[in-house]
Amino acid sequence: MASSDKLYLVGFLGAGKSSVGRALGLRLGWRVIDVDEWIEARERQSVADIFAARGELAFRALEREAVRAVLPARHVVVATGSGTFADPTNRTSMLEDGTVIWLDAPFDTLVARVPPDGRRPLAKDRDQFAALFASRLATYRLAHLRIDTAAAAVDEVVERILDRLGW
């Protein structure tokens, strides 16, 4: 594993990255940076609106900027977007910079957690959602640690992470 003073949470939509990130940061007394929130604050636009107005490629460029911006930060938990780790540039930076933790859950669990209401642009079409999930699994497996979030409360996931880290 890379540095132990920064944790990156990766995983598919609905895996719990934002919720677990906030709880983990609170538990450790570390700052929490949510990549999607960072982008929304900087752009003054929601992720869904960025996707609609500028497209996925523009959003992915913003994600790369966000990852570059957090590289110098230490004692921080970074909750990434579901596609952040799929980008090879981001993946390399994250794996070298901190400990990357894959929050994993079965597809059926993720579908139940993510409504197809448009707030999550990649979840609207369930067939595409399933194909995207399948295409990202191999990438998520490159993380330093895998934590199952399927029937676990946020606090339990935090405990599993701390246990796996030996903290």
N, C-alpha and C. Protein backbone atom coordinates (compact mmCIF):
# COMPACT_ATOMS: atom_id res chain seq x y z
N MET A 1 0.83 -1.19 0.00
CA MET A 1 0.00 0.00 0.00
C MET A 1 0.87 1.25 0.00
N ALA A 2 0.31 2.29 -0.54
CA ALA A 2 1.02 3.57 -0.57
C ALA A 2 0.86 4.26 0.79
N SER A 3 0.89 5.54 0.81
CA SER A 3 0.85 6.33 2.02
C SER A 3 -0.35 5.98 2.92
N SER A 4 -0.09 5.98 4.22
CA SER A 4 -1.18 5.69 5.16
C SER A 4 -1.79 6.96 5.73
N ASP A 5 -1.43 8.12 5.16
CA ASP A 5 -2.02 9.36 5.65
C ASP A 5 -3.04 9.95 4.69
N LYS A 6 -3.47 9.12 3.73
CA LYS A 6 -4.55 9.51 2.83
C LYS A 6 -5.28 8.25 2.39
N LEU A 7 -6.60 8.29 2.45
CA LEU A 7 -7.42 7.16 2.03
C LEU A 7 -8.31 7.61 0.90
N TYR A 8 -8.32 6.85 -0.18
CA TYR A 8 -9.22 7.08 -1.32
C TYR A 8 -10.29 6.00 -1.29
N LEU A 9 -11.54 6.39 -1.32
CA LEU A 9 -12.64 5.44 -1.40
C LEU A 9 -13.12 5.38 -2.84
N VAL A 10 -13.12 4.19 -3.41
CA VAL A 10 -13.58 3.99 -4.77
C VAL A 10 -14.68 2.94 -4.77
N GLY A 11 -15.44 2.89 -5.85
CA GLY A 11 -16.51 1.92 -5.98
C GLY A 11 -17.61 2.46 -6.87
N PHE A 12 -18.56 1.60 -7.14
CA PHE A 12 -19.64 1.94 -8.05
C PHE A 12 -20.66 2.86 -7.38
N LEU A 13 -21.55 3.43 -8.18
CA LEU A 13 -22.63 4.26 -7.65
C LEU A 13 -23.41 3.47 -6.61
N GLY A 14 -23.66 4.08 -5.47
CA GLY A 14 -24.44 3.43 -4.43
C GLY A 14 -23.62 2.58 -3.47
N ALA A 15 -22.30 2.53 -3.64
CA ALA A 15 -21.46 1.70 -2.77
C ALA A 15 -21.30 2.32 -1.38
N GLY A 16 -21.53 3.63 -1.26
CA GLY A 16 -21.44 4.28 0.04
C GLY A 16 -20.22 5.16 0.23
N LYS A 17 -19.57 5.55 -0.87
CA LYS A 17 -18.32 6.32 -0.77
C LYS A 17 -18.49 7.62 0.01
N SER A 18 -19.51 8.38 -0.29
CA SER A 18 -19.71 9.67 0.39
C SER A 18 -20.07 9.47 1.85
N SER A 19 -21.02 8.60 2.14
CA SER A 19 -21.45 8.36 3.52
C SER A 19 -20.32 7.78 4.37
N VAL A 20 -19.65 6.78 3.84
CA VAL A 20 -18.54 6.15 4.57
C VAL A 20 -17.40 7.15 4.72
N GLY A 21 -17.15 7.93 3.67
CA GLY A 21 -16.09 8.93 3.74
C GLY A 21 -16.31 9.91 4.87
N ARG A 22 -17.52 10.43 4.99
CA ARG A 22 -17.82 11.38 6.07
C ARG A 22 -17.63 10.73 7.44
N ALA A 23 -18.15 9.52 7.61
CA ALA A 23 -18.04 8.82 8.89
C ALA A 23 -16.59 8.45 9.21
N LEU A 24 -15.84 8.04 8.21
CA LEU A 24 -14.44 7.66 8.41
C LEU A 24 -13.60 8.89 8.76
N GLY A 25 -13.85 10.00 8.07
CA GLY A 25 -13.14 11.23 8.37
C GLY A 25 -13.41 11.70 9.80
N LEU A 26 -14.67 11.61 10.21
CA LEU A 26 -15.04 11.99 11.57
C LEU A 26 -14.32 11.11 12.59
N ARG A 27 -14.32 9.82 12.32
CA ARG A 27 -13.69 8.86 13.24
C ARG A 27 -12.18 9.11 13.36
N LEU A 28 -11.54 9.45 12.25
CA LEU A 28 -10.08 9.65 12.25
C LEU A 28 -9.69 11.09 12.61
N GLY A 29 -10.65 12.00 12.57
CA GLY A 29 -10.33 13.41 12.77
C GLY A 29 -9.63 14.00 11.55
N TRP A 30 -9.92 13.44 10.39
CA TRP A 30 -9.32 13.88 9.14
C TRP A 30 -10.35 14.67 8.33
N ARG A 31 -9.82 15.51 7.45
CA ARG A 31 -10.66 16.24 6.51
C ARG A 31 -11.22 15.24 5.49
N VAL A 32 -12.38 15.53 4.96
CA VAL A 32 -13.01 14.69 3.94
C VAL A 32 -13.21 15.54 2.69
N ILE A 33 -12.77 15.01 1.57
CA ILE A 33 -13.00 15.68 0.29
C ILE A 33 -13.81 14.73 -0.58
N ASP A 34 -14.99 15.18 -0.97
CA ASP A 34 -15.84 14.41 -1.87
C ASP A 34 -15.62 15.00 -3.27
N VAL A 35 -15.11 14.19 -4.18
CA VAL A 35 -14.76 14.68 -5.52
C VAL A 35 -15.96 15.30 -6.23
N ASP A 36 -17.12 14.65 -6.17
CA ASP A 36 -18.30 15.21 -6.83
C ASP A 36 -18.69 16.56 -6.22
N GLU A 37 -18.63 16.66 -4.88
CA GLU A 37 -18.97 17.92 -4.22
C GLU A 37 -17.94 19.00 -4.57
N TRP A 38 -16.66 18.62 -4.67
CA TRP A 38 -15.60 19.55 -5.04
C TRP A 38 -15.89 20.13 -6.43
N ILE A 39 -16.26 19.25 -7.35
CA ILE A 39 -16.57 19.68 -8.71
C ILE A 39 -17.80 20.57 -8.72
N GLU A 40 -18.85 20.16 -8.02
CA GLU A 40 -20.08 20.97 -7.99
C GLU A 40 -19.83 22.36 -7.42
N ALA A 41 -19.03 22.45 -6.37
CA ALA A 41 -18.74 23.75 -5.76
C ALA A 41 -17.91 24.61 -6.72
N ARG A 42 -16.94 24.01 -7.35
CA ARG A 42 -16.07 24.76 -8.26
C ARG A 42 -16.83 25.24 -9.50
N GLU A 43 -17.67 24.36 -10.04
CA GLU A 43 -18.39 24.68 -11.27
C GLU A 43 -19.73 25.37 -11.02
N ARG A 44 -20.17 25.37 -9.76
CA ARG A 44 -21.48 25.93 -9.39
C ARG A 44 -22.60 25.31 -10.22
N GLN A 45 -22.50 24.00 -10.36
CA GLN A 45 -23.44 23.22 -11.17
C GLN A 45 -23.45 21.79 -10.63
N SER A 46 -24.58 21.13 -10.67
CA SER A 46 -24.65 19.75 -10.20
C SER A 46 -23.96 18.83 -11.21
N VAL A 47 -23.58 17.66 -10.74
CA VAL A 47 -22.99 16.67 -11.64
C VAL A 47 -23.95 16.36 -12.78
N ALA A 48 -25.22 16.18 -12.47
CA ALA A 48 -26.22 15.89 -13.50
C ALA A 48 -26.28 17.01 -14.54
N ASP A 49 -26.22 18.26 -14.07
CA ASP A 49 -26.25 19.39 -15.01
C ASP A 49 -24.98 19.47 -15.86
N ILE A 50 -23.84 19.14 -15.26
CA ILE A 50 -22.58 19.13 -16.03
C ILE A 50 -22.67 18.07 -17.12
N PHE A 51 -23.14 16.89 -16.77
CA PHE A 51 -23.31 15.81 -17.76
C PHE A 51 -24.23 16.27 -18.88
N ALA A 52 -25.36 16.89 -18.51
CA ALA A 52 -26.35 17.30 -19.51
C ALA A 52 -25.83 18.42 -20.41
N ALA A 53 -25.14 19.39 -19.82
CA ALA A 53 -24.71 20.56 -20.59
C ALA A 53 -23.40 20.34 -21.34
N ARG A 54 -22.48 19.59 -20.74
CA ARG A 54 -21.14 19.49 -21.33
C ARG A 54 -20.72 18.08 -21.68
N GLY A 55 -21.45 17.08 -21.17
CA GLY A 55 -21.14 15.70 -21.50
C GLY A 55 -20.18 15.04 -20.53
N GLU A 56 -20.10 13.72 -20.66
CA GLU A 56 -19.29 12.93 -19.73
C GLU A 56 -17.80 13.24 -19.86
N LEU A 57 -17.30 13.45 -21.08
CA LEU A 57 -15.87 13.72 -21.25
C LEU A 57 -15.44 14.98 -20.50
N ALA A 58 -16.24 16.02 -20.56
CA ALA A 58 -15.93 17.24 -19.82
C ALA A 58 -15.94 16.99 -18.32
N PHE A 59 -16.90 16.18 -17.87
CA PHE A 59 -16.95 15.86 -16.45
C PHE A 59 -15.71 15.08 -16.03
N ARG A 60 -15.27 14.13 -16.85
CA ARG A 60 -14.07 13.33 -16.52
C ARG A 60 -12.83 14.21 -16.44
N ALA A 61 -12.76 15.24 -17.28
CA ALA A 61 -11.63 16.19 -17.21
C ALA A 61 -11.67 16.94 -15.87
N LEU A 62 -12.86 17.29 -15.41
CA LEU A 62 -13.00 17.95 -14.11
C LEU A 62 -12.58 17.01 -12.98
N GLU A 63 -12.90 15.73 -13.11
CA GLU A 63 -12.46 14.75 -12.11
C GLU A 63 -10.93 14.69 -12.03
N ARG A 64 -10.28 14.68 -13.20
CA ARG A 64 -8.81 14.65 -13.21
C ARG A 64 -8.24 15.88 -12.50
N GLU A 65 -8.85 17.05 -12.73
CA GLU A 65 -8.42 18.27 -12.04
C GLU A 65 -8.60 18.12 -10.53
N ALA A 66 -9.71 17.55 -10.12
CA ALA A 66 -9.98 17.36 -8.69
C ALA A 66 -8.94 16.45 -8.06
N VAL A 67 -8.62 15.34 -8.73
CA VAL A 67 -7.62 14.42 -8.18
C VAL A 67 -6.26 15.12 -8.08
N ARG A 68 -5.88 15.85 -9.12
CA ARG A 68 -4.61 16.60 -9.06
C ARG A 68 -4.61 17.59 -7.90
N ALA A 69 -5.75 18.24 -7.68
CA ALA A 69 -5.84 19.25 -6.62
C ALA A 69 -5.70 18.66 -5.23
N VAL A 70 -6.13 17.42 -5.02
CA VAL A 70 -6.05 16.83 -3.68
C VAL A 70 -4.74 16.09 -3.42
N LEU A 71 -3.90 15.92 -4.42
CA LEU A 71 -2.66 15.18 -4.23
C LEU A 71 -1.80 15.71 -3.08
N PRO A 72 -1.64 17.03 -2.92
CA PRO A 72 -0.78 17.50 -1.83
C PRO A 72 -1.38 17.31 -0.43
N ALA A 73 -2.68 17.14 -0.33
CA ALA A 73 -3.36 17.05 0.97
C ALA A 73 -2.96 15.77 1.71
N ARG A 74 -2.80 15.88 3.01
CA ARG A 74 -2.51 14.72 3.85
C ARG A 74 -3.56 14.64 4.95
N HIS A 75 -3.65 13.49 5.59
CA HIS A 75 -4.64 13.25 6.64
C HIS A 75 -6.02 13.62 6.13
N VAL A 76 -6.36 12.97 5.03
CA VAL A 76 -7.62 13.26 4.36
C VAL A 76 -8.22 11.97 3.81
N VAL A 77 -9.54 11.90 3.83
CA VAL A 77 -10.29 10.83 3.19
C VAL A 77 -10.89 11.43 1.93
N VAL A 78 -10.64 10.80 0.78
CA VAL A 78 -11.16 11.29 -0.49
C VAL A 78 -12.24 10.31 -0.97
N ALA A 79 -13.47 10.79 -1.03
CA ALA A 79 -14.58 10.00 -1.58
C ALA A 79 -14.66 10.35 -3.07
N THR A 80 -14.33 9.39 -3.91
CA THR A 80 -14.29 9.64 -5.35
C THR A 80 -15.65 9.40 -5.99
N GLY A 81 -15.78 9.85 -7.23
CA GLY A 81 -16.95 9.51 -8.02
C GLY A 81 -16.78 8.08 -8.52
N SER A 82 -17.84 7.47 -8.99
CA SER A 82 -17.77 6.06 -9.37
C SER A 82 -16.84 5.81 -10.55
N GLY A 83 -16.61 6.82 -11.39
CA GLY A 83 -15.74 6.64 -12.54
C GLY A 83 -14.34 7.19 -12.36
N THR A 84 -14.07 7.82 -11.23
CA THR A 84 -12.77 8.46 -11.01
C THR A 84 -11.63 7.47 -11.14
N PHE A 85 -11.76 6.31 -10.52
CA PHE A 85 -10.68 5.31 -10.50
C PHE A 85 -10.56 4.59 -11.85
N ALA A 86 -11.60 4.68 -12.68
CA ALA A 86 -11.56 4.04 -14.01
C ALA A 86 -10.60 4.78 -14.95
N ASP A 87 -10.34 6.05 -14.68
CA ASP A 87 -9.43 6.84 -15.49
C ASP A 87 -7.99 6.43 -15.16
N PRO A 88 -7.20 5.98 -16.15
CA PRO A 88 -5.85 5.50 -15.86
C PRO A 88 -4.95 6.53 -15.18
N THR A 89 -5.05 7.79 -15.55
CA THR A 89 -4.23 8.83 -14.92
C THR A 89 -4.59 8.98 -13.45
N ASN A 90 -5.88 9.05 -13.17
CA ASN A 90 -6.34 9.14 -11.77
C ASN A 90 -5.91 7.91 -10.99
N ARG A 91 -6.12 6.74 -11.58
CA ARG A 91 -5.83 5.49 -10.89
C ARG A 91 -4.36 5.43 -10.48
N THR A 92 -3.45 5.75 -11.40
CA THR A 92 -2.02 5.72 -11.10
C THR A 92 -1.70 6.69 -9.97
N SER A 93 -2.20 7.92 -10.07
CA SER A 93 -1.95 8.93 -9.03
C SER A 93 -2.45 8.47 -7.67
N MET A 94 -3.67 7.94 -7.64
CA MET A 94 -4.27 7.53 -6.38
C MET A 94 -3.54 6.35 -5.75
N LEU A 95 -3.18 5.36 -6.57
CA LEU A 95 -2.48 4.18 -6.04
C LEU A 95 -1.11 4.53 -5.48
N GLU A 96 -0.46 5.53 -6.07
CA GLU A 96 0.86 5.95 -5.59
C GLU A 96 0.77 6.90 -4.40
N ASP A 97 -0.33 7.64 -4.29
CA ASP A 97 -0.45 8.72 -3.32
C ASP A 97 -1.03 8.29 -1.98
N GLY A 98 -1.89 7.30 -1.96
CA GLY A 98 -2.56 6.92 -0.72
C GLY A 98 -2.99 5.47 -0.77
N THR A 99 -3.79 5.09 0.19
CA THR A 99 -4.36 3.75 0.22
C THR A 99 -5.72 3.81 -0.45
N VAL A 100 -5.91 2.98 -1.47
CA VAL A 100 -7.17 2.96 -2.22
C VAL A 100 -8.02 1.81 -1.72
N ILE A 101 -9.23 2.14 -1.29
CA ILE A 101 -10.15 1.17 -0.70
C ILE A 101 -11.38 1.07 -1.58
N TRP A 102 -11.63 -0.14 -2.08
CA TRP A 102 -12.80 -0.41 -2.92
C TRP A 102 -13.97 -0.78 -2.02
N LEU A 103 -15.00 0.02 -2.03
CA LEU A 103 -16.25 -0.30 -1.34
C LEU A 103 -17.10 -1.07 -2.33
N ASP A 104 -17.27 -2.34 -2.05
CA ASP A 104 -17.91 -3.26 -2.98
C ASP A 104 -19.27 -3.71 -2.46
N ALA A 105 -20.19 -3.89 -3.36
CA ALA A 105 -21.51 -4.44 -3.03
C ALA A 105 -22.04 -5.13 -4.28
N PRO A 106 -22.89 -6.14 -4.13
CA PRO A 106 -23.47 -6.81 -5.30
C PRO A 106 -24.32 -5.83 -6.11
N PHE A 107 -24.41 -6.10 -7.39
CA PHE A 107 -25.15 -5.21 -8.28
C PHE A 107 -26.58 -4.98 -7.82
N ASP A 108 -27.28 -6.02 -7.38
CA ASP A 108 -28.67 -5.86 -6.93
C ASP A 108 -28.78 -4.88 -5.77
N THR A 109 -27.81 -4.89 -4.88
CA THR A 109 -27.79 -3.96 -3.75
C THR A 109 -27.63 -2.53 -4.26
N LEU A 110 -26.73 -2.34 -5.21
CA LEU A 110 -26.48 -1.01 -5.76
C LEU A 110 -27.70 -0.47 -6.50
N VAL A 111 -28.37 -1.33 -7.25
CA VAL A 111 -29.58 -0.92 -7.97
C VAL A 111 -30.64 -0.44 -6.97
N ALA A 112 -30.76 -1.15 -5.86
CA ALA A 112 -31.75 -0.76 -4.85
C ALA A 112 -31.40 0.58 -4.19
N ARG A 113 -30.12 0.91 -4.15
CA ARG A 113 -29.68 2.15 -3.50
C ARG A 113 -29.71 3.37 -4.42
N VAL A 114 -29.72 3.15 -5.73
CA VAL A 114 -29.59 4.26 -6.68
C VAL A 114 -30.85 4.36 -7.54
N PRO A 115 -31.70 5.36 -7.28
CA PRO A 115 -32.92 5.49 -8.07
C PRO A 115 -32.62 5.99 -9.48
N PRO A 116 -33.38 5.54 -10.47
CA PRO A 116 -33.16 5.98 -11.86
C PRO A 116 -33.87 7.30 -12.15
N ASP A 117 -33.71 8.29 -11.26
CA ASP A 117 -34.47 9.53 -11.36
C ASP A 117 -33.74 10.67 -12.05
N GLY A 118 -32.53 10.42 -12.56
CA GLY A 118 -31.81 11.46 -13.26
C GLY A 118 -30.78 12.19 -12.43
N ARG A 119 -30.86 12.08 -11.09
CA ARG A 119 -29.84 12.74 -10.26
C ARG A 119 -28.48 12.10 -10.47
N ARG A 120 -28.48 10.83 -10.82
CA ARG A 120 -27.26 10.11 -11.16
C ARG A 120 -27.38 9.76 -12.64
N PRO A 121 -26.78 10.57 -13.51
CA PRO A 121 -26.99 10.42 -14.95
C PRO A 121 -26.69 9.01 -15.50
N LEU A 122 -25.72 8.33 -14.93
CA LEU A 122 -25.35 7.02 -15.46
C LEU A 122 -26.27 5.90 -14.97
N ALA A 123 -27.23 6.23 -14.11
CA ALA A 123 -28.14 5.22 -13.56
C ALA A 123 -29.51 5.22 -14.22
N LYS A 124 -29.76 6.17 -15.13
CA LYS A 124 -31.10 6.27 -15.72
C LYS A 124 -31.48 5.04 -16.53
N ASP A 125 -30.58 4.57 -17.35
CA ASP A 125 -30.84 3.39 -18.18
C ASP A 125 -30.24 2.17 -17.46
N ARG A 126 -31.11 1.29 -16.97
CA ARG A 126 -30.65 0.17 -16.15
C ARG A 126 -29.79 -0.84 -16.91
N ASP A 127 -30.02 -1.01 -18.20
CA ASP A 127 -29.15 -1.91 -18.98
C ASP A 127 -27.75 -1.33 -19.10
N GLN A 128 -27.68 -0.03 -19.37
CA GLN A 128 -26.37 0.63 -19.43
C GLN A 128 -25.70 0.64 -18.06
N PHE A 129 -26.49 0.80 -17.03
CA PHE A 129 -26.00 0.79 -15.64
C PHE A 129 -25.33 -0.56 -15.35
N ALA A 130 -25.98 -1.65 -15.75
CA ALA A 130 -25.43 -3.00 -15.54
C ALA A 130 -24.15 -3.20 -16.34
N ALA A 131 -24.14 -2.74 -17.58
CA ALA A 131 -22.95 -2.88 -18.43
C ALA A 131 -21.79 -2.07 -17.86
N LEU A 132 -22.07 -0.88 -17.36
CA LEU A 132 -21.03 -0.04 -16.77
C LEU A 132 -20.45 -0.69 -15.52
N PHE A 133 -21.33 -1.24 -14.69
CA PHE A 133 -20.88 -1.95 -13.49
C PHE A 133 -19.92 -3.08 -13.88
N ALA A 134 -20.33 -3.90 -14.83
CA ALA A 134 -19.50 -5.02 -15.27
C ALA A 134 -18.15 -4.55 -15.82
N SER A 135 -18.18 -3.45 -16.56
CA SER A 135 -16.94 -2.96 -17.18
C SER A 135 -15.97 -2.37 -16.15
N ARG A 136 -16.46 -1.92 -15.02
CA ARG A 136 -15.58 -1.30 -14.02
C ARG A 136 -15.05 -2.26 -12.97
N LEU A 137 -15.60 -3.45 -12.89
CA LEU A 137 -15.18 -4.38 -11.83
C LEU A 137 -13.68 -4.66 -11.86
N ALA A 138 -13.13 -4.93 -13.03
CA ALA A 138 -11.70 -5.26 -13.12
C ALA A 138 -10.85 -4.10 -12.62
N THR A 139 -11.28 -2.89 -12.89
CA THR A 139 -10.54 -1.71 -12.43
C THR A 139 -10.61 -1.60 -10.91
N TYR A 140 -11.81 -1.74 -10.34
CA TYR A 140 -11.94 -1.64 -8.89
C TYR A 140 -11.08 -2.68 -8.18
N ARG A 141 -10.91 -3.83 -8.79
CA ARG A 141 -10.10 -4.90 -8.18
C ARG A 141 -8.63 -4.51 -8.02
N LEU A 142 -8.20 -3.43 -8.66
CA LEU A 142 -6.82 -2.97 -8.55
C LEU A 142 -6.57 -2.16 -7.27
N ALA A 143 -7.63 -1.87 -6.52
CA ALA A 143 -7.49 -1.12 -5.27
C ALA A 143 -6.65 -1.93 -4.27
N HIS A 144 -6.06 -1.24 -3.31
CA HIS A 144 -5.25 -1.90 -2.29
C HIS A 144 -6.09 -2.81 -1.39
N LEU A 145 -7.30 -2.39 -1.06
CA LEU A 145 -8.18 -3.15 -0.18
C LEU A 145 -9.59 -3.21 -0.76
N ARG A 146 -10.29 -4.30 -0.46
CA ARG A 146 -11.70 -4.45 -0.84
C ARG A 146 -12.51 -4.63 0.44
N ILE A 147 -13.55 -3.81 0.59
CA ILE A 147 -14.43 -3.89 1.75
C ILE A 147 -15.85 -4.12 1.25
N ASP A 148 -16.49 -5.17 1.74
CA ASP A 148 -17.87 -5.48 1.36
C ASP A 148 -18.82 -4.56 2.13
N THR A 149 -19.63 -3.79 1.39
CA THR A 149 -20.58 -2.88 2.04
C THR A 149 -22.01 -3.39 1.95
N ALA A 150 -22.22 -4.54 1.39
CA ALA A 150 -23.57 -5.08 1.16
C ALA A 150 -24.46 -5.10 2.37
N ALA A 151 -24.79 -5.50 3.17
CA ALA A 151 -25.71 -5.49 4.30
C ALA A 151 -25.05 -4.89 5.52
N ALA A 152 -24.23 -3.88 5.32
CA ALA A 152 -23.51 -3.30 6.45
C ALA A 152 -23.89 -1.84 6.62
N ALA A 153 -24.10 -1.46 7.88
CA ALA A 153 -24.34 -0.05 8.19
C ALA A 153 -23.03 0.72 8.00
N VAL A 154 -23.14 2.02 7.82
CA VAL A 154 -21.96 2.86 7.58
C VAL A 154 -20.91 2.67 8.69
N ASP A 155 -21.33 2.69 9.95
CA ASP A 155 -20.37 2.53 11.05
C ASP A 155 -19.67 1.18 11.00
N GLU A 156 -20.38 0.16 10.58
CA GLU A 156 -19.77 -1.17 10.45
C GLU A 156 -18.73 -1.18 9.33
N VAL A 157 -19.01 -0.49 8.23
CA VAL A 157 -18.04 -0.39 7.14
C VAL A 157 -16.79 0.34 7.62
N VAL A 158 -16.97 1.41 8.37
CA VAL A 158 -15.83 2.15 8.92
C VAL A 158 -14.99 1.22 9.79
N GLU A 159 -15.63 0.44 10.64
CA GLU A 159 -14.89 -0.49 11.50
C GLU A 159 -14.13 -1.53 10.67
N ARG A 160 -14.76 -2.02 9.60
CA ARG A 160 -14.09 -2.99 8.73
C ARG A 160 -12.84 -2.38 8.10
N ILE A 161 -12.95 -1.12 7.67
CA ILE A 161 -11.81 -0.44 7.05
C ILE A 161 -10.68 -0.29 8.08
N LEU A 162 -11.01 0.21 9.25
CA LEU A 162 -9.99 0.42 10.28
C LEU A 162 -9.33 -0.90 10.68
N ASP A 163 -10.13 -1.95 10.75
CA ASP A 163 -9.59 -3.27 11.08
C ASP A 163 -8.63 -3.75 10.02
N ARG A 164 -9.03 -3.63 8.75
CA ARG A 164 -8.16 -4.06 7.63
C ARG A 164 -6.87 -3.25 7.56
N LEU A 165 -6.95 -1.98 7.98
CA LEU A 165 -5.75 -1.13 7.98
C LEU A 165 -4.88 -1.38 9.21
N GLY A 166 -5.41 -2.13 10.16
CA GLY A 166 -4.67 -2.40 11.39
C GLY A 166 -4.66 -1.21 12.34
N TRP A 167 -5.69 -0.36 12.22
CA TRP A 167 -5.78 0.84 13.06
C TRP A 167 -6.77 0.57 14.16
